[in-house]
Amino acid sequence: MTCNELVELVTEYLEGALPDSERRRFERHLKECPNCVTYLEQMRLAVRALGGLSQDSLSPEARDQLMSAFQDWKR
């Protein structure tokens, strides 16, 4: 697994939604890549920090800024 593949799968991994074979590949990569271990921990921290937010807790301006920032993230 490459680092880019891991980034694409990190949400599914954190949600426990990866098939066993993909999860094993993901975890093998983590054993060999300290940068991806750091990335995974950053994602865990972000989920903890932001996971409790609801759409209603954001001002319309903040919501618009976030939507704009992430609009093209996969391109």
C-alpha atoms as a PDB file:
ATOM      1  CA  MET A   1       0.000   0.000   0.000  1.00  0.00           C
ATOM      2  CA  THR A   2       1.247   3.472  -0.807  1.00  0.00           C
ATOM      3  CA  CYS A   3       0.899   6.528   1.391  1.00  0.00           C
ATOM      4  CA  ASN A   4      -1.664   7.968  -1.039  1.00  0.00           C
ATOM      5  CA  GLU A   5      -3.754   4.800  -0.798  1.00  0.00           C
ATOM      6  CA  LEU A   6      -3.641   4.983   2.983  1.00  0.00           C
ATOM      7  CA  VAL A   7      -4.855   8.598   2.914  1.00  0.00           C
ATOM      8  CA  GLU A   8      -7.781   7.560   0.706  1.00  0.00           C
ATOM      9  CA  LEU A   9      -8.758   4.784   3.135  1.00  0.00           C
ATOM     10  CA  VAL A  10      -8.151   6.470   6.492  1.00  0.00           C
ATOM     11  CA  THR A  11     -11.805   7.372   7.139  1.00  0.00           C
ATOM     12  CA  GLU A  12     -12.981   3.837   6.450  1.00  0.00           C
ATOM     13  CA  TYR A  13     -10.203   2.514   8.682  1.00  0.00           C
ATOM     14  CA  LEU A  14     -11.172   4.792  11.565  1.00  0.00           C
ATOM     15  CA  GLU A  15     -14.816   3.798  11.164  1.00  0.00           C
ATOM     16  CA  GLY A  16     -13.918   0.088  11.170  1.00  0.00           C
ATOM     17  CA  ALA A  17     -15.376  -0.272   7.686  1.00  0.00           C
ATOM     18  CA  LEU A  18     -12.370  -1.665   5.803  1.00  0.00           C
ATOM     19  CA  PRO A  19     -12.555  -5.267   4.656  1.00  0.00           C
ATOM     20  CA  ASP A  20     -10.109  -7.487   6.560  1.00  0.00           C
ATOM     21  CA  SER A  21      -7.659  -7.775   3.673  1.00  0.00           C
ATOM     22  CA  GLU A  22      -7.500  -3.985   3.224  1.00  0.00           C
ATOM     23  CA  ARG A  23      -7.216  -3.421   6.970  1.00  0.00           C
ATOM     24  CA  ARG A  24      -4.233  -5.791   7.098  1.00  0.00           C
ATOM     25  CA  ARG A  25      -2.564  -3.964   4.194  1.00  0.00           C
ATOM     26  CA  PHE A  26      -3.274  -0.645   5.910  1.00  0.00           C
ATOM     27  CA  GLU A  27      -1.766  -1.813   9.194  1.00  0.00           C
ATOM     28  CA  ARG A  28       1.276  -3.374   7.463  1.00  0.00           C
ATOM     29  CA  HIS A  29       1.950  -0.013   5.838  1.00  0.00           C
ATOM     30  CA  LEU A  30       1.724   1.715   9.231  1.00  0.00           C
ATOM     31  CA  LYS A  31       4.429  -0.612  10.582  1.00  0.00           C
ATOM     32  CA  GLU A  32       6.768   0.623   7.847  1.00  0.00           C
ATOM     33  CA  CYS A  33       5.830   4.294   7.557  1.00  0.00           C
ATOM     34  CA  PRO A  34       6.198   6.657  10.514  1.00  0.00           C
ATOM     35  CA  ASN A  35       4.791   9.531   8.452  1.00  0.00           C
ATOM     36  CA  CYS A  36       1.512   7.689   7.962  1.00  0.00           C
ATOM     37  CA  VAL A  37       1.413   6.826  11.663  1.00  0.00           C
ATOM     38  CA  THR A  38       1.642  10.564  12.357  1.00  0.00           C
ATOM     39  CA  TYR A  39      -1.061  11.285   9.774  1.00  0.00           C
ATOM     40  CA  LEU A  40      -3.377   8.679  11.297  1.00  0.00           C
ATOM     41  CA  GLU A  41      -2.893  10.160  14.771  1.00  0.00           C
ATOM     42  CA  GLN A  42      -3.627  13.649  13.421  1.00  0.00           C
ATOM     43  CA  MET A  43      -6.837  12.353  11.882  1.00  0.00           C
ATOM     44  CA  ARG A  44      -7.823  10.711  15.172  1.00  0.00           C
ATOM     45  CA  LEU A  45      -7.229  13.994  16.998  1.00  0.00           C
ATOM     46  CA  ALA A  46      -9.273  15.909  14.426  1.00  0.00           C
ATOM     47  CA  VAL A  47     -12.167  13.468  14.742  1.00  0.00           C
ATOM     48  CA  ARG A  48     -12.077  13.793  18.530  1.00  0.00           C
ATOM     49  CA  ALA A  49     -11.905  17.579  18.385  1.00  0.00           C
ATOM     50  CA  LEU A  50     -14.525  18.089  15.689  1.00  0.00           C
ATOM     51  CA  GLY A  51     -16.688  15.005  15.982  1.00  0.00           C
ATOM     52  CA  GLY A  52     -19.098  16.590  18.407  1.00  0.00           C
ATOM     53  CA  LEU A  53     -19.862  19.570  16.215  1.00  0.00           C
ATOM     54  CA  SER A  54     -23.218  19.750  14.530  1.00  0.00           C
ATOM     55  CA  GLN A  55     -24.038  21.740  11.447  1.00  0.00           C
ATOM     56  CA  ASP A  56     -26.179  23.996  13.630  1.00  0.00           C
ATOM     57  CA  SER A  57     -23.212  24.849  15.857  1.00  0.00           C
ATOM     58  CA  LEU A  58     -21.420  26.608  12.983  1.00  0.00           C
ATOM     59  CA  SER A  59     -22.139  30.117  11.898  1.00  0.00           C
ATOM     60  CA  PRO A  60     -23.256  30.402   8.271  1.00  0.00           C
ATOM     61  CA  GLU A  61     -19.960  32.122   7.482  1.00  0.00           C
ATOM     62  CA  ALA A  62     -17.885  29.331   9.036  1.00  0.00           C
ATOM     63  CA  ARG A  63     -19.933  26.686   7.230  1.00  0.00           C
ATOM     64  CA  ASP A  64     -19.435  28.476   3.896  1.00  0.00           C
ATOM     65  CA  GLN A  65     -15.681  28.760   4.484  1.00  0.00           C
ATOM     66  CA  LEU A  66     -15.389  25.053   5.292  1.00  0.00           C
ATOM     67  CA  MET A  67     -17.483  24.052   2.298  1.00  0.00           C
ATOM     68  CA  SER A  68     -15.338  26.225   0.054  1.00  0.00           C
ATOM     69  CA  ALA A  69     -12.094  24.845   1.475  1.00  0.00           C
ATOM     70  CA  PHE A  70     -13.113  21.211   0.947  1.00  0.00           C
ATOM     71  CA  GLN A  71     -15.140  21.580  -2.241  1.00  0.00           C
ATOM     72  CA  ASP A  72     -12.396  20.302  -4.535  1.00  0.00           C
ATOM     73  CA  TRP A  73     -10.356  18.182  -2.108  1.00  0.00           C
ATOM     74  CA  LYS A  74     -10.419  15.021  -4.259  1.00  0.00           C
ATOM     75  CA  ARG A  75      -9.460  16.700  -7.512  1.00  0.00           C
END
